[in-house]
Amino acid sequence: MDTLETVFETASGFAGILAMASNELVLGLGVAFGLIIWLVTGRRDDKTDTKHQPRHL
């Protein structure tokens, strides 16, 4: 029973690490996509409408 518990603890710990890593990956991808979309729309807005956007930004 001791070895089974150790295996289970190791597996659950590994699963927790995997879950954390996948969450970080999803968060990173979300931030990256958000930044790309923000840059694209920001540039598009810059071309069409410069009144609302400060130049020094």
N, C-alpha and C. Protein backbone atom coordinates (compact mmCIF):
# COMPACT_ATOMS: atom_id res chain seq x y z
N MET A 1 0.83 -1.21 0.00
CA MET A 1 0.00 0.00 0.00
C MET A 1 0.86 1.26 0.00
N ASP A 2 2.04 1.18 0.61
CA ASP A 2 2.89 2.37 0.67
C ASP A 2 3.34 2.79 -0.73
N THR A 3 3.74 1.80 -1.54
CA THR A 3 4.20 2.14 -2.88
C THR A 3 3.06 2.70 -3.71
N LEU A 4 1.85 2.15 -3.54
CA LEU A 4 0.69 2.65 -4.28
C LEU A 4 0.40 4.11 -3.89
N GLU A 5 0.49 4.41 -2.61
CA GLU A 5 0.26 5.79 -2.15
C GLU A 5 1.32 6.72 -2.71
N THR A 6 2.58 6.25 -2.72
CA THR A 6 3.66 7.08 -3.24
C THR A 6 3.45 7.35 -4.73
N VAL A 7 3.07 6.31 -5.46
CA VAL A 7 2.82 6.48 -6.90
C VAL A 7 1.68 7.47 -7.12
N PHE A 8 0.62 7.33 -6.31
CA PHE A 8 -0.54 8.21 -6.45
C PHE A 8 -0.16 9.66 -6.13
N GLU A 9 0.63 9.85 -5.07
CA GLU A 9 1.05 11.20 -4.70
C GLU A 9 1.93 11.81 -5.79
N THR A 10 2.84 10.99 -6.33
CA THR A 10 3.70 11.49 -7.40
C THR A 10 2.88 11.85 -8.62
N ALA A 11 1.92 10.99 -8.97
CA ALA A 11 1.08 11.25 -10.14
C ALA A 11 0.23 12.50 -9.95
N SER A 12 -0.34 12.66 -8.75
CA SER A 12 -1.18 13.83 -8.51
C SER A 12 -0.33 15.10 -8.50
N GLY A 13 0.89 15.01 -7.96
CA GLY A 13 1.79 16.15 -7.98
C GLY A 13 2.18 16.51 -9.40
N PHE A 14 2.47 15.49 -10.22
CA PHE A 14 2.82 15.72 -11.62
C PHE A 14 1.64 16.32 -12.37
N ALA A 15 0.43 15.81 -12.08
CA ALA A 15 -0.77 16.35 -12.72
C ALA A 15 -0.98 17.81 -12.33
N GLY A 16 -0.70 18.13 -11.06
CA GLY A 16 -0.82 19.51 -10.61
C GLY A 16 0.16 20.42 -11.33
N ILE A 17 1.39 19.93 -11.51
CA ILE A 17 2.41 20.71 -12.23
C ILE A 17 1.98 20.91 -13.68
N LEU A 18 1.45 19.84 -14.28
CA LEU A 18 0.98 19.94 -15.67
C LEU A 18 -0.17 20.94 -15.77
N ALA A 19 -1.10 20.88 -14.81
CA ALA A 19 -2.24 21.80 -14.83
C ALA A 19 -1.76 23.24 -14.70
N MET A 20 -0.80 23.47 -13.80
CA MET A 20 -0.26 24.82 -13.63
C MET A 20 0.42 25.28 -14.91
N ALA A 21 1.20 24.40 -15.53
CA ALA A 21 1.92 24.76 -16.74
C ALA A 21 0.94 25.07 -17.87
N SER A 22 -0.12 24.26 -18.00
CA SER A 22 -1.08 24.51 -19.07
C SER A 22 -1.83 25.82 -18.81
N ASN A 23 -2.12 26.11 -17.54
CA ASN A 23 -2.78 27.38 -17.22
C ASN A 23 -1.87 28.55 -17.59
N GLU A 24 -0.59 28.43 -17.27
CA GLU A 24 0.37 29.49 -17.62
C GLU A 24 0.44 29.65 -19.13
N LEU A 25 0.44 28.50 -19.85
CA LEU A 25 0.52 28.54 -21.31
C LEU A 25 -0.71 29.22 -21.89
N VAL A 26 -1.89 28.85 -21.39
CA VAL A 26 -3.13 29.46 -21.88
C VAL A 26 -3.13 30.95 -21.59
N LEU A 27 -2.68 31.32 -20.39
CA LEU A 27 -2.62 32.73 -20.02
C LEU A 27 -1.65 33.48 -20.93
N GLY A 28 -0.49 32.88 -21.16
CA GLY A 28 0.50 33.52 -22.03
C GLY A 28 -0.01 33.69 -23.45
N LEU A 29 -0.68 32.65 -23.98
CA LEU A 29 -1.24 32.73 -25.33
C LEU A 29 -2.33 33.80 -25.39
N GLY A 30 -3.16 33.85 -24.36
CA GLY A 30 -4.22 34.85 -24.32
C GLY A 30 -3.65 36.26 -24.31
N VAL A 31 -2.61 36.47 -23.52
CA VAL A 31 -1.97 37.79 -23.47
C VAL A 31 -1.33 38.12 -24.81
N ALA A 32 -0.68 37.13 -25.43
CA ALA A 32 -0.02 37.36 -26.72
C ALA A 32 -1.04 37.70 -27.80
N PHE A 33 -2.14 36.92 -27.85
CA PHE A 33 -3.17 37.20 -28.86
C PHE A 33 -3.83 38.55 -28.60
N GLY A 34 -4.07 38.86 -27.32
CA GLY A 34 -4.66 40.15 -26.98
C GLY A 34 -3.75 41.29 -27.40
N LEU A 35 -2.45 41.13 -27.19
CA LEU A 35 -1.50 42.16 -27.57
C LEU A 35 -1.46 42.35 -29.09
N ILE A 36 -1.46 41.22 -29.83
CA ILE A 36 -1.45 41.29 -31.29
C ILE A 36 -2.70 41.99 -31.80
N ILE A 37 -3.87 41.58 -31.25
CA ILE A 37 -5.13 42.19 -31.67
C ILE A 37 -5.14 43.68 -31.33
N TRP A 38 -4.64 44.02 -30.12
CA TRP A 38 -4.60 45.42 -29.70
C TRP A 38 -3.69 46.23 -30.63
N LEU A 39 -2.54 45.65 -31.01
CA LEU A 39 -1.62 46.35 -31.90
C LEU A 39 -2.25 46.56 -33.27
N VAL A 40 -2.90 45.51 -33.79
CA VAL A 40 -3.50 45.60 -35.13
C VAL A 40 -4.62 46.64 -35.13
N THR A 41 -5.52 46.56 -34.16
CA THR A 41 -6.63 47.51 -34.12
C THR A 41 -6.13 48.91 -33.79
N GLY A 42 -5.11 49.01 -32.95
CA GLY A 42 -4.54 50.31 -32.62
C GLY A 42 -3.94 50.97 -33.84
N ARG A 43 -3.24 50.22 -34.66
CA ARG A 43 -2.65 50.77 -35.88
C ARG A 43 -3.74 51.16 -36.86
N ARG A 44 -4.78 50.33 -36.95
CA ARG A 44 -5.88 50.63 -37.86
C ARG A 44 -6.57 51.93 -37.43
N ASP A 45 -6.77 52.07 -36.09
CA ASP A 45 -7.39 53.29 -35.58
C ASP A 45 -6.48 54.50 -35.82
N ASP A 46 -5.18 54.28 -35.72
CA ASP A 46 -4.22 55.36 -35.92
C ASP A 46 -4.34 55.93 -37.33
N LYS A 47 -4.51 55.06 -38.32
CA LYS A 47 -4.60 55.51 -39.71
C LYS A 47 -5.89 56.30 -39.95
N THR A 48 -7.00 55.80 -39.41
CA THR A 48 -8.29 56.40 -39.73
C THR A 48 -8.61 57.59 -38.83
N ASP A 49 -8.24 57.52 -37.55
CA ASP A 49 -8.67 58.53 -36.59
C ASP A 49 -7.52 58.86 -35.64
N THR A 50 -6.90 60.02 -35.83
CA THR A 50 -5.76 60.39 -34.99
C THR A 50 -6.16 61.41 -33.93
N LYS A 51 -7.40 61.89 -33.95
CA LYS A 51 -7.82 62.92 -33.00
C LYS A 51 -7.85 62.41 -31.56
N HIS A 52 -8.31 61.15 -31.40
CA HIS A 52 -8.54 60.61 -30.05
C HIS A 52 -7.28 59.98 -29.45
N GLN A 53 -6.26 59.78 -30.26
CA GLN A 53 -5.06 59.12 -29.75
C GLN A 53 -3.92 60.13 -29.64
N PRO A 54 -3.34 60.26 -28.45
CA PRO A 54 -2.18 61.15 -28.30
C PRO A 54 -0.98 60.65 -29.10
N ARG A 55 -0.22 61.59 -29.65
CA ARG A 55 0.90 61.23 -30.51
C ARG A 55 2.06 60.63 -29.71
N HIS A 56 2.27 61.11 -28.51
CA HIS A 56 3.45 60.69 -27.74
C HIS A 56 3.30 59.32 -27.12
N LEU A 57 2.18 58.64 -27.32
CA LEU A 57 1.94 57.34 -26.68
C LEU A 57 2.63 56.22 -27.35
